[in-house]
Amino acid sequence: MKSKISGLIAIVAAVIAASAVSVHAEDLTFKLTNGTNSVLTRFYSSPTGVDEWEEDVFGENVLDPGETMDITIADGRTVCKYDMRFEFEEGSNLATTEDSQDLCAMGSYTINE
């Protein structure tokens, strides 16, 4: 009987611990606006301090000049500071741009020339 109760307590503790982790791991969402005159073709992000860029957030999409897109970063992390990399269409006069922001504190971000 004692081992069944100990086992039950261990299972309950594991469920509570898993629930606490999932509460803190929220998706980061914000509106990204292209304030340039060029098509934004790729948008990468990664937590500050991570040495490699993660997947292109846009996938097959692009962000035309003046357009706004809802961005969700659902990486399961509990960090707020992210590095961002913006790449523009070939032939554009804009170079690749990088920036770092606290994405938890912002509701929108505009990339400008």
PDB file of N, CA and C in Angstrom:
ATOM      1  N   MET A   1       0.822  -1.190   0.000  1.00  0.00           N
ATOM      2  CA  MET A   1       0.000   0.000   0.000  1.00  0.00           C
ATOM      3  C   MET A   1       0.867   1.256   0.000  1.00  0.00           C
ATOM      4  N   LYS A   2       1.930   1.219   0.830  1.00  0.00           N
ATOM      5  CA  LYS A   2       2.809   2.381   0.940  1.00  0.00           C
ATOM      6  C   LYS A   2       3.460   2.692  -0.402  1.00  0.00           C
ATOM      7  N   SER A   3       3.874   1.691  -1.170  1.00  0.00           N
ATOM      8  CA  SER A   3       4.523   1.937  -2.457  1.00  0.00           C
ATOM      9  C   SER A   3       3.532   2.481  -3.475  1.00  0.00           C
ATOM     10  N   LYS A   4       2.254   2.093  -3.406  1.00  0.00           N
ATOM     11  CA  LYS A   4       1.244   2.645  -4.304  1.00  0.00           C
ATOM     12  C   LYS A   4       1.038   4.134  -4.032  1.00  0.00           C
ATOM     13  N   ILE A   5       1.006   4.508  -2.771  1.00  0.00           N
ATOM     14  CA  ILE A   5       0.837   5.921  -2.407  1.00  0.00           C
ATOM     15  C   ILE A   5       2.056   6.719  -2.838  1.00  0.00           C
ATOM     16  N   SER A   6       3.246   6.195  -2.645  1.00  0.00           N
ATOM     17  CA  SER A   6       4.474   6.873  -3.073  1.00  0.00           C
ATOM     18  C   SER A   6       4.485   7.058  -4.581  1.00  0.00           C
ATOM     19  N   GLY A   7       4.052   6.007  -5.308  1.00  0.00           N
ATOM     20  CA  GLY A   7       3.990   6.091  -6.760  1.00  0.00           C
ATOM     21  C   GLY A   7       2.989   7.135  -7.217  1.00  0.00           C
ATOM     22  N   LEU A   8       1.835   7.196  -6.554  1.00  0.00           N
ATOM     23  CA  LEU A   8       0.808   8.177  -6.885  1.00  0.00           C
ATOM     24  C   LEU A   8       1.315   9.593  -6.618  1.00  0.00           C
ATOM     25  N   ILE A   9       1.996   9.781  -5.514  1.00  0.00           N
ATOM     26  CA  ILE A   9       2.555  11.102  -5.191  1.00  0.00           C
ATOM     27  C   ILE A   9       3.579  11.507  -6.249  1.00  0.00           C
ATOM     28  N   ALA A  10       4.405  10.582  -6.710  1.00  0.00           N
ATOM     29  CA  ALA A  10       5.405  10.886  -7.737  1.00  0.00           C
ATOM     30  C   ALA A  10       4.733  11.290  -9.040  1.00  0.00           C
ATOM     31  N   ILE A  11       3.654  10.603  -9.417  1.00  0.00           N
ATOM     32  CA  ILE A  11       2.938  10.935 -10.654  1.00  0.00           C
ATOM     33  C   ILE A  11       2.307  12.319 -10.550  1.00  0.00           C
ATOM     34  N   VAL A  12       1.658  12.606  -9.405  1.00  0.00           N
ATOM     35  CA  VAL A  12       1.033  13.923  -9.208  1.00  0.00           C
ATOM     36  C   VAL A  12       2.091  15.016  -9.253  1.00  0.00           C
ATOM     37  N   ALA A  13       3.230  14.793  -8.629  1.00  0.00           N
ATOM     38  CA  ALA A  13       4.308  15.788  -8.637  1.00  0.00           C
ATOM     39  C   ALA A  13       4.813  16.025 -10.055  1.00  0.00           C
ATOM     40  N   ALA A  14       4.931  14.964 -10.858  1.00  0.00           N
ATOM     41  CA  ALA A  14       5.392  15.108 -12.245  1.00  0.00           C
ATOM     42  C   ALA A  14       4.387  15.898 -13.073  1.00  0.00           C
ATOM     43  N   VAL A  15       3.101  15.645 -12.883  1.00  0.00           N
ATOM     44  CA  VAL A  15       2.062  16.379 -13.626  1.00  0.00           C
ATOM     45  C   VAL A  15       2.086  17.855 -13.249  1.00  0.00           C
ATOM     46  N   ILE A  16       2.227  18.156 -11.970  1.00  0.00           N
ATOM     47  CA  ILE A  16       2.281  19.556 -11.523  1.00  0.00           C
ATOM     48  C   ILE A  16       3.517  20.246 -12.097  1.00  0.00           C
ATOM     49  N   ALA A  17       4.653  19.568 -12.082  1.00  0.00           N
ATOM     50  CA  ALA A  17       5.876  20.162 -12.632  1.00  0.00           C
ATOM     51  C   ALA A  17       5.730  20.426 -14.122  1.00  0.00           C
ATOM     52  N   ALA A  18       5.150  19.496 -14.859  1.00  0.00           N
ATOM     53  CA  ALA A  18       4.956  19.686 -16.305  1.00  0.00           C
ATOM     54  C   ALA A  18       4.005  20.836 -16.568  1.00  0.00           C
ATOM     55  N   SER A  19       2.974  20.976 -15.774  1.00  0.00           N
ATOM     56  CA  SER A  19       2.014  22.071 -15.938  1.00  0.00           C
ATOM     57  C   SER A  19       2.684  23.413 -15.680  1.00  0.00           C
ATOM     58  N   ALA A  20       3.526  23.479 -14.686  1.00  0.00           N
ATOM     59  CA  ALA A  20       4.202  24.738 -14.365  1.00  0.00           C
ATOM     60  C   ALA A  20       5.108  25.170 -15.502  1.00  0.00           C
ATOM     61  N   VAL A  21       5.791  24.221 -16.160  1.00  0.00           N
ATOM     62  CA  VAL A  21       6.671  24.559 -17.276  1.00  0.00           C
ATOM     63  C   VAL A  21       5.857  25.081 -18.450  1.00  0.00           C
ATOM     64  N   SER A  22       4.742  24.437 -18.768  1.00  0.00           N
ATOM     65  CA  SER A  22       3.958  24.855 -19.920  1.00  0.00           C
ATOM     66  C   SER A  22       3.302  26.208 -19.710  1.00  0.00           C
ATOM     67  N   VAL A  23       3.026  26.585 -18.492  1.00  0.00           N
ATOM     68  CA  VAL A  23       2.439  27.898 -18.224  1.00  0.00           C
ATOM     69  C   VAL A  23       3.428  29.002 -18.568  1.00  0.00           C
ATOM     70  N   HIS A  24       4.702  28.784 -18.304  1.00  0.00           N
ATOM     71  CA  HIS A  24       5.715  29.798 -18.554  1.00  0.00           C
ATOM     72  C   HIS A  24       6.150  29.864 -20.021  1.00  0.00           C
ATOM     73  N   ALA A  25       5.978  28.803 -20.770  1.00  0.00           N
ATOM     74  CA  ALA A  25       6.411  28.763 -22.168  1.00  0.00           C
ATOM     75  C   ALA A  25       5.270  29.242 -23.059  1.00  0.00           C
ATOM     76  N   GLU A  26       5.185  30.542 -23.252  1.00  0.00           N
ATOM     77  CA  GLU A  26       4.124  31.123 -24.064  1.00  0.00           C
ATOM     78  C   GLU A  26       4.657  31.521 -25.425  1.00  0.00           C
ATOM     79  N   ASP A  27       3.779  31.510 -26.415  1.00  0.00           N
ATOM     80  CA  ASP A  27       4.142  31.979 -27.746  1.00  0.00           C
ATOM     81  C   ASP A  27       4.341  33.487 -27.704  1.00  0.00           C
ATOM     82  N   LEU A  28       5.320  33.963 -28.453  1.00  0.00           N
ATOM     83  CA  LEU A  28       5.542  35.406 -28.587  1.00  0.00           C
ATOM     84  C   LEU A  28       4.827  35.867 -29.848  1.00  0.00           C
ATOM     85  N   THR A  29       3.993  36.873 -29.738  1.00  0.00           N
ATOM     86  CA  THR A  29       3.269  37.380 -30.898  1.00  0.00           C
ATOM     87  C   THR A  29       3.429  38.885 -30.995  1.00  0.00           C
ATOM     88  N   PHE A  30       3.551  39.366 -32.224  1.00  0.00           N
ATOM     89  CA  PHE A  30       3.626  40.801 -32.490  1.00  0.00           C
ATOM     90  C   PHE A  30       3.307  41.049 -33.951  1.00  0.00           C
ATOM     91  N   LYS A  31       3.071  42.301 -34.301  1.00  0.00           N
ATOM     92  CA  LYS A  31       2.802  42.683 -35.693  1.00  0.00           C
ATOM     93  C   LYS A  31       4.093  43.220 -36.291  1.00  0.00           C
ATOM     94  N   LEU A  32       4.469  42.685 -37.445  1.00  0.00           N
ATOM     95  CA  LEU A  32       5.656  43.138 -38.175  1.00  0.00           C
ATOM     96  C   LEU A  32       5.193  43.929 -39.386  1.00  0.00           C
ATOM     97  N   THR A  33       5.678  45.167 -39.506  1.00  0.00           N
ATOM     98  CA  THR A  33       5.333  46.027 -40.635  1.00  0.00           C
ATOM     99  C   THR A  33       6.573  46.283 -41.466  1.00  0.00           C
ATOM    100  N   ASN A  34       6.420  46.166 -42.783  1.00  0.00           N
ATOM    101  CA  ASN A  34       7.506  46.478 -43.708  1.00  0.00           C
ATOM    102  C   ASN A  34       7.380  47.949 -44.091  1.00  0.00           C
ATOM    103  N   GLY A  35       8.184  48.789 -43.468  1.00  0.00           N
ATOM    104  CA  GLY A  35       8.179  50.221 -43.747  1.00  0.00           C
ATOM    105  C   GLY A  35       9.197  50.617 -44.795  1.00  0.00           C
ATOM    106  N   THR A  36       9.664  49.656 -45.576  1.00  0.00           N
ATOM    107  CA  THR A  36      10.644  49.936 -46.632  1.00  0.00           C
ATOM    108  C   THR A  36       9.940  49.975 -47.983  1.00  0.00           C
ATOM    109  N   ASN A  37      10.718  50.249 -49.020  1.00  0.00           N
ATOM    110  CA  ASN A  37      10.194  50.223 -50.390  1.00  0.00           C
ATOM    111  C   ASN A  37      10.539  48.930 -51.115  1.00  0.00           C
ATOM    112  N   SER A  38      11.001  47.921 -50.367  1.00  0.00           N
ATOM    113  CA  SER A  38      11.406  46.644 -50.959  1.00  0.00           C
ATOM    114  C   SER A  38      10.631  45.497 -50.317  1.00  0.00           C
ATOM    115  N   VAL A  39      10.526  44.402 -51.059  1.00  0.00           N
ATOM    116  CA  VAL A  39       9.844  43.214 -50.552  1.00  0.00           C
ATOM    117  C   VAL A  39      10.753  42.522 -49.536  1.00  0.00           C
ATOM    118  N   LEU A  40      10.202  42.248 -48.370  1.00  0.00           N
ATOM    119  CA  LEU A  40      10.914  41.521 -47.327  1.00  0.00           C
ATOM    120  C   LEU A  40      10.648  40.035 -47.581  1.00  0.00           C
ATOM    121  N   THR A  41      11.702  39.291 -47.924  1.00  0.00           N
ATOM    122  CA  THR A  41      11.518  37.899 -48.352  1.00  0.00           C
ATOM    123  C   THR A  41      11.760  36.878 -47.249  1.00  0.00           C
ATOM    124  N   ARG A  42      12.603  37.203 -46.287  1.00  0.00           N
ATOM    125  CA  ARG A  42      12.915  36.251 -45.216  1.00  0.00           C
ATOM    126  C   ARG A  42      13.036  36.984 -43.882  1.00  0.00           C
ATOM    127  N   PHE A  43      12.549  36.307 -42.841  1.00  0.00           N
ATOM    128  CA  PHE A  43      12.652  36.833 -41.483  1.00  0.00           C
ATOM    129  C   PHE A  43      13.070  35.690 -40.568  1.00  0.00           C
ATOM    130  N   TYR A  44      14.240  35.831 -39.965  1.00  0.00           N
ATOM    131  CA  TYR A  44      14.761  34.826 -39.055  1.00  0.00           C
ATOM    132  C   TYR A  44      14.796  35.411 -37.651  1.00  0.00           C
ATOM    133  N   SER A  45      14.642  34.553 -36.660  1.00  0.00           N
ATOM    134  CA  SER A  45      14.800  34.986 -35.279  1.00  0.00           C
ATOM    135  C   SER A  45      15.463  33.864 -34.499  1.00  0.00           C
ATOM    136  N   SER A  46      16.120  34.241 -33.439  1.00  0.00           N
ATOM    137  CA  SER A  46      16.669  33.268 -32.497  1.00  0.00           C
ATOM    138  C   SER A  46      16.905  33.997 -31.185  1.00  0.00           C
ATOM    139  N   PRO A  47      16.807  33.296 -30.079  1.00  0.00           N
ATOM    140  CA  PRO A  47      17.060  33.945 -28.798  1.00  0.00           C
ATOM    141  C   PRO A  47      18.457  34.560 -28.774  1.00  0.00           C
ATOM    142  N   THR A  48      18.587  35.725 -28.173  1.00  0.00           N
ATOM    143  CA  THR A  48      19.890  36.373 -28.050  1.00  0.00           C
ATOM    144  C   THR A  48      20.857  35.413 -27.370  1.00  0.00           C
ATOM    145  N   GLY A  49      22.044  35.277 -27.943  1.00  0.00           N
ATOM    146  CA  GLY A  49      23.053  34.379 -27.403  1.00  0.00           C
ATOM    147  C   GLY A  49      23.129  33.044 -28.109  1.00  0.00           C
ATOM    148  N   VAL A  50      22.120  32.720 -28.930  1.00  0.00           N
ATOM    149  CA  VAL A  50      22.156  31.489 -29.725  1.00  0.00           C
ATOM    150  C   VAL A  50      22.948  31.798 -30.991  1.00  0.00           C
ATOM    151  N   ASP A  51      23.898  30.939 -31.351  1.00  0.00           N
ATOM    152  CA  ASP A  51      24.831  31.241 -32.430  1.00  0.00           C
ATOM    153  C   ASP A  51      24.288  31.053 -33.842  1.00  0.00           C
ATOM    154  N   GLU A  52      23.176  30.347 -34.012  1.00  0.00           N
ATOM    155  CA  GLU A  52      22.653  30.094 -35.350  1.00  0.00           C
ATOM    156  C   GLU A  52      21.227  30.601 -35.468  1.00  0.00           C
ATOM    157  N   TRP A  53      20.876  31.027 -36.687  1.00  0.00           N
ATOM    158  CA  TRP A  53      19.506  31.456 -36.956  1.00  0.00           C
ATOM    159  C   TRP A  53      18.607  30.240 -37.038  1.00  0.00           C
ATOM    160  N   GLU A  54      17.383  30.389 -36.545  1.00  0.00           N
ATOM    161  CA  GLU A  54      16.401  29.321 -36.664  1.00  0.00           C
ATOM    162  C   GLU A  54      15.698  29.448 -38.006  1.00  0.00           C
ATOM    163  N   GLU A  55      14.686  28.636 -38.254  1.00  0.00           N
ATOM    164  CA  GLU A  55      14.015  28.608 -39.551  1.00  0.00           C
ATOM    165  C   GLU A  55      13.417  29.964 -39.927  1.00  0.00           C
ATOM    166  N   ASP A  56      13.284  30.180 -41.236  1.00  0.00           N
ATOM    167  CA  ASP A  56      12.642  31.380 -41.763  1.00  0.00           C
ATOM    168  C   ASP A  56      11.192  31.404 -41.277  1.00  0.00           C
ATOM    169  N   VAL A  57      10.825  32.457 -40.541  1.00  0.00           N
ATOM    170  CA  VAL A  57       9.479  32.581 -39.983  1.00  0.00           C
ATOM    171  C   VAL A  57       8.433  32.702 -41.089  1.00  0.00           C
ATOM    172  N   PHE A  58       8.786  33.332 -42.207  1.00  0.00           N
ATOM    173  CA  PHE A  58       7.837  33.547 -43.298  1.00  0.00           C
ATOM    174  C   PHE A  58       7.474  32.267 -44.053  1.00  0.00           C
ATOM    175  N   GLY A  59       8.393  31.318 -44.124  1.00  0.00           N
ATOM    176  CA  GLY A  59       8.153  30.136 -44.945  1.00  0.00           C
ATOM    177  C   GLY A  59       8.054  30.553 -46.405  1.00  0.00           C
ATOM    178  N   GLU A  60       6.924  30.303 -47.039  1.00  0.00           N
ATOM    179  CA  GLU A  60       6.719  30.653 -48.450  1.00  0.00           C
ATOM    180  C   GLU A  60       6.205  32.086 -48.633  1.00  0.00           C
ATOM    181  N   ASN A  61       5.862  32.769 -47.559  1.00  0.00           N
ATOM    182  CA  ASN A  61       5.293  34.116 -47.644  1.00  0.00           C
ATOM    183  C   ASN A  61       6.374  35.183 -47.779  1.00  0.00           C
ATOM    184  N   VAL A  62       5.967  36.365 -48.213  1.00  0.00           N
ATOM    185  CA  VAL A  62       6.814  37.546 -48.235  1.00  0.00           C
ATOM    186  C   VAL A  62       5.994  38.688 -47.637  1.00  0.00           C
ATOM    187  N   LEU A  63       6.668  39.785 -47.320  1.00  0.00           N
ATOM    188  CA  LEU A  63       5.976  40.957 -46.786  1.00  0.00           C
ATOM    189  C   LEU A  63       6.275  42.134 -47.706  1.00  0.00           C
ATOM    190  N   ASP A  64       5.263  42.543 -48.465  1.00  0.00           N
ATOM    191  CA  ASP A  64       5.408  43.638 -49.417  1.00  0.00           C
ATOM    192  C   ASP A  64       5.541  44.979 -48.697  1.00  0.00           C
ATOM    193  N   PRO A  65       6.080  45.992 -49.375  1.00  0.00           N
ATOM    194  CA  PRO A  65       6.198  47.322 -48.772  1.00  0.00           C
ATOM    195  C   PRO A  65       4.846  47.816 -48.240  1.00  0.00           C
ATOM    196  N   GLY A  66       4.865  48.327 -47.018  1.00  0.00           N
ATOM    197  CA  GLY A  66       3.666  48.876 -46.397  1.00  0.00           C
ATOM    198  C   GLY A  66       2.746  47.858 -45.760  1.00  0.00           C
ATOM    199  N   GLU A  67       2.987  46.566 -45.974  1.00  0.00           N
ATOM    200  CA  GLU A  67       2.123  45.530 -45.403  1.00  0.00           C
ATOM    201  C   GLU A  67       2.528  45.184 -43.970  1.00  0.00           C
ATOM    202  N   THR A  68       1.553  44.643 -43.245  1.00  0.00           N
ATOM    203  CA  THR A  68       1.761  44.184 -41.872  1.00  0.00           C
ATOM    204  C   THR A  68       1.366  42.722 -41.784  1.00  0.00           C
ATOM    205  N   MET A  69       2.120  41.958 -41.001  1.00  0.00           N
ATOM    206  CA  MET A  69       1.849  40.532 -40.816  1.00  0.00           C
ATOM    207  C   MET A  69       1.912  40.213 -39.326  1.00  0.00           C
ATOM    208  N   ASP A  70       0.993  39.368 -38.858  1.00  0.00           N
ATOM    209  CA  ASP A  70       1.065  38.870 -37.490  1.00  0.00           C
ATOM    210  C   ASP A  70       2.136  37.793 -37.427  1.00  0.00           C
ATOM    211  N   ILE A  71       3.063  37.943 -36.487  1.00  0.00           N
ATOM    212  CA  ILE A  71       4.164  36.998 -36.320  1.00  0.00           C
ATOM    213  C   ILE A  71       3.978  36.261 -34.999  1.00  0.00           C
ATOM    214  N   THR A  72       4.142  34.961 -35.036  1.00  0.00           N
ATOM    215  CA  THR A  72       4.124  34.150 -33.819  1.00  0.00           C
ATOM    216  C   THR A  72       5.401  33.333 -33.776  1.00  0.00           C
ATOM    217  N   ILE A  73       6.119  33.463 -32.682  1.00  0.00           N
ATOM    218  CA  ILE A  73       7.303  32.642 -32.455  1.00  0.00           C
ATOM    219  C   ILE A  73       6.914  31.647 -31.373  1.00  0.00           C
ATOM    220  N   ALA A  74       6.687  30.422 -31.787  1.00  0.00           N
ATOM    221  CA  ALA A  74       6.220  29.368 -30.881  1.00  0.00           C
ATOM    222  C   ALA A  74       7.323  28.337 -30.701  1.00  0.00           C
ATOM    223  N   ASP A  75       8.406  28.766 -30.069  1.00  0.00           N
ATOM    224  CA  ASP A  75       9.547  27.866 -29.912  1.00  0.00           C
ATOM    225  C   ASP A  75       9.605  27.194 -28.542  1.00  0.00           C
ATOM    226  N   GLY A  76       8.624  27.480 -27.682  1.00  0.00           N
ATOM    227  CA  GLY A  76       8.571  26.840 -26.380  1.00  0.00           C
ATOM    228  C   GLY A  76       9.552  27.373 -25.366  1.00  0.00           C
ATOM    229  N   ARG A  77      10.278  28.411 -25.737  1.00  0.00           N
ATOM    230  CA  ARG A  77      11.258  28.970 -24.799  1.00  0.00           C
ATOM    231  C   ARG A  77      10.586  29.992 -23.878  1.00  0.00           C
ATOM    232  N   THR A  78      11.265  30.311 -22.793  1.00  0.00           N
ATOM    233  CA  THR A  78      10.743  31.280 -21.842  1.00  0.00           C
ATOM    234  C   THR A  78      11.553  32.567 -21.858  1.00  0.00           C
ATOM    235  N   VAL A  79      12.283  32.823 -22.937  1.00  0.00           N
ATOM    236  CA  VAL A  79      13.091  34.032 -23.053  1.00  0.00           C
ATOM    237  C   VAL A  79      12.314  35.097 -23.825  1.00  0.00           C
ATOM    238  N   CYS A  80      12.727  36.347 -23.665  1.00  0.00           N
ATOM    239  CA  CYS A  80      12.064  37.453 -24.353  1.00  0.00           C
ATOM    240  C   CYS A  80      12.968  38.160 -25.356  1.00  0.00           C
ATOM    241  N   LYS A  81      14.270  38.170 -25.095  1.00  0.00           N
ATOM    242  CA  LYS A  81      15.195  38.885 -25.983  1.00  0.00           C
ATOM    243  C   LYS A  81      15.555  38.001 -27.169  1.00  0.00           C
ATOM    244  N   TYR A  82      15.238  38.511 -28.369  1.00  0.00           N
ATOM    245  CA  TYR A  82      15.498  37.781 -29.604  1.00  0.00           C
ATOM    246  C   TYR A  82      16.305  38.643 -30.567  1.00  0.00           C
ATOM    247  N   ASP A  83      17.200  37.972 -31.296  1.00  0.00           N
ATOM    248  CA  ASP A  83      17.875  38.596 -32.425  1.00  0.00           C
ATOM    249  C   ASP A  83      17.005  38.348 -33.646  1.00  0.00           C
ATOM    250  N   MET A  84      16.944  39.329 -34.534  1.00  0.00           N
ATOM    251  CA  MET A  84      16.129  39.202 -35.744  1.00  0.00           C
ATOM    252  C   MET A  84      16.988  39.534 -36.959  1.00  0.00           C
ATOM    253  N   ARG A  85      16.722  38.839 -38.048  1.00  0.00           N
ATOM    254  CA  ARG A  85      17.448  39.059 -39.307  1.00  0.00           C
ATOM    255  C   ARG A  85      16.419  39.205 -40.419  1.00  0.00           C
ATOM    256  N   PHE A  86      16.519  40.288 -41.178  1.00  0.00           N
ATOM    257  CA  PHE A  86      15.594  40.602 -42.260  1.00  0.00           C
ATOM    258  C   PHE A  86      16.348  40.580 -43.582  1.00  0.00           C
ATOM    259  N   GLU A  87      15.839  39.826 -44.558  1.00  0.00           N
ATOM    260  CA  GLU A  87      16.453  39.758 -45.882  1.00  0.00           C
ATOM    261  C   GLU A  87      15.443  40.243 -46.923  1.00  0.00           C
ATOM    262  N   PHE A  88      15.941  41.015 -47.884  1.00  0.00           N
ATOM    263  CA  PHE A  88      15.088  41.621 -48.902  1.00  0.00           C
ATOM    264  C   PHE A  88      15.290  40.952 -50.251  1.00  0.00           C
ATOM    265  N   GLU A  89      14.350  41.206 -51.176  1.00  0.00           N
ATOM    266  CA  GLU A  89      14.380  40.589 -52.494  1.00  0.00           C
ATOM    267  C   GLU A  89      15.689  40.898 -53.219  1.00  0.00           C
ATOM    268  N   GLU A  90      16.077  39.976 -54.102  1.00  0.00           N
ATOM    269  CA  GLU A  90      17.273  40.186 -54.905  1.00  0.00           C
ATOM    270  C   GLU A  90      17.092  41.439 -55.742  1.00  0.00           C
ATOM    271  N   GLY A  91      18.146  42.192 -55.918  1.00  0.00           N
ATOM    272  CA  GLY A  91      18.085  43.426 -56.690  1.00  0.00           C
ATOM    273  C   GLY A  91      17.658  44.627 -55.868  1.00  0.00           C
ATOM    274  N   SER A  92      17.284  44.405 -54.626  1.00  0.00           N
ATOM    275  CA  SER A  92      16.899  45.505 -53.748  1.00  0.00           C
ATOM    276  C   SER A  92      18.149  46.293 -53.373  1.00  0.00           C
ATOM    277  N   ASN A  93      17.962  47.564 -53.109  1.00  0.00           N
ATOM    278  CA  ASN A  93      19.101  48.378 -52.676  1.00  0.00           C
ATOM    279  C   ASN A  93      19.305  48.286 -51.160  1.00  0.00           C
ATOM    280  N   LEU A  94      18.521  47.430 -50.494  1.00  0.00           N
ATOM    281  CA  LEU A  94      18.638  47.278 -49.040  1.00  0.00           C
ATOM    282  C   LEU A  94      19.483  46.067 -48.687  1.00  0.00           C
ATOM    283  N   ALA A  95      20.371  46.267 -47.738  1.00  0.00           N
ATOM    284  CA  ALA A  95      21.206  45.174 -47.265  1.00  0.00           C
ATOM    285  C   ALA A  95      20.439  44.376 -46.206  1.00  0.00           C
ATOM    286  N   THR A  96      20.910  43.174 -45.943  1.00  0.00           N
ATOM    287  CA  THR A  96      20.353  42.383 -44.846  1.00  0.00           C
ATOM    288  C   THR A  96      20.496  43.188 -43.563  1.00  0.00           C
ATOM    289  N   THR A  97      19.438  43.207 -42.768  1.00  0.00           N
ATOM    290  CA  THR A  97      19.404  44.005 -41.546  1.00  0.00           C
ATOM    291  C   THR A  97      19.221  43.086 -40.347  1.00  0.00           C
ATOM    292  N   GLU A  98      19.929  43.385 -39.267  1.00  0.00           N
ATOM    293  CA  GLU A  98      19.780  42.623 -38.032  1.00  0.00           C
ATOM    294  C   GLU A  98      19.485  43.563 -36.878  1.00  0.00           C
ATOM    295  N   ASP A  99      18.719  43.081 -35.902  1.00  0.00           N
ATOM    296  CA  ASP A  99      18.341  43.875 -34.745  1.00  0.00           C
ATOM    297  C   ASP A  99      18.066  42.927 -33.581  1.00  0.00           C
ATOM    298  N   SER A 100      18.088  43.440 -32.366  1.00  0.00           N
ATOM    299  CA  SER A 100      17.732  42.680 -31.166  1.00  0.00           C
ATOM    300  C   SER A 100      16.651  43.445 -30.422  1.00  0.00           C
ATOM    301  N   GLN A 101      15.641  42.715 -29.941  1.00  0.00           N
ATOM    302  CA  GLN A 101      14.537  43.345 -29.230  1.00  0.00           C
ATOM    303  C   GLN A 101      14.017  42.422 -28.139  1.00  0.00           C
ATOM    304  N   ASP A 102      13.350  43.019 -27.144  1.00  0.00           N
ATOM    305  CA  ASP A 102      12.601  42.274 -26.143  1.00  0.00           C
ATOM    306  C   ASP A 102      11.208  42.070 -26.728  1.00  0.00           C
ATOM    307  N   LEU A 103      10.958  40.915 -27.293  1.00  0.00           N
ATOM    308  CA  LEU A 103       9.698  40.659 -27.995  1.00  0.00           C
ATOM    309  C   LEU A 103       8.515  40.514 -27.047  1.00  0.00           C
ATOM    310  N   CYS A 104       8.753  40.247 -25.773  1.00  0.00           N
ATOM    311  CA  CYS A 104       7.654  40.167 -24.814  1.00  0.00           C
ATOM    312  C   CYS A 104       7.064  41.554 -24.545  1.00  0.00           C
ATOM    313  N   ALA A 105       7.874  42.591 -24.674  1.00  0.00           N
ATOM    314  CA  ALA A 105       7.446  43.938 -24.329  1.00  0.00           C
ATOM    315  C   ALA A 105       6.841  44.700 -25.504  1.00  0.00           C
ATOM    316  N   MET A 106       6.970  44.172 -26.703  1.00  0.00           N
ATOM    317  CA  MET A 106       6.497  44.926 -27.859  1.00  0.00           C
ATOM    318  C   MET A 106       5.278  44.300 -28.500  1.00  0.00           C
ATOM    319  N   GLY A 107       4.399  45.138 -28.985  1.00  0.00           N
ATOM    320  CA  GLY A 107       3.221  44.649 -29.683  1.00  0.00           C
ATOM    321  C   GLY A 107       3.376  44.757 -31.186  1.00  0.00           C
ATOM    322  N   SER A 108       4.366  45.574 -31.616  1.00  0.00           N
ATOM    323  CA  SER A 108       4.602  45.731 -33.049  1.00  0.00           C
ATOM    324  C   SER A 108       6.046  46.137 -33.294  1.00  0.00           C
ATOM    325  N   TYR A 109       6.494  45.861 -34.512  1.00  0.00           N
ATOM    326  CA  TYR A 109       7.852  46.229 -34.931  1.00  0.00           C
ATOM    327  C   TYR A 109       7.792  46.639 -36.404  1.00  0.00           C
ATOM    328  N   THR A 110       8.401  47.764 -36.731  1.00  0.00           N
ATOM    329  CA  THR A 110       8.449  48.227 -38.111  1.00  0.00           C
ATOM    330  C   THR A 110       9.899  48.254 -38.561  1.00  0.00           C
ATOM    331  N   ILE A 111      10.166  47.564 -39.670  1.00  0.00           N
ATOM    332  CA  ILE A 111      11.488  47.605 -40.284  1.00  0.00           C
ATOM    333  C   ILE A 111      11.493  48.772 -41.258  1.00  0.00           C
ATOM    334  N   ASN A 112      12.466  49.667 -41.106  1.00  0.00           N
ATOM    335  CA  ASN A 112      12.585  50.848 -41.959  1.00  0.00           C
ATOM    336  C   ASN A 112      13.903  50.828 -42.704  1.00  0.00           C
ATOM    337  N   GLU A 113      13.964  51.663 -43.756  1.00  0.00           N
ATOM    338  CA  GLU A 113      15.211  51.767 -44.520  1.00  0.00           C
ATOM    339  C   GLU A 113      16.221  52.570 -43.749  1.00  0.00           C
TER     340      GLU A 113
END
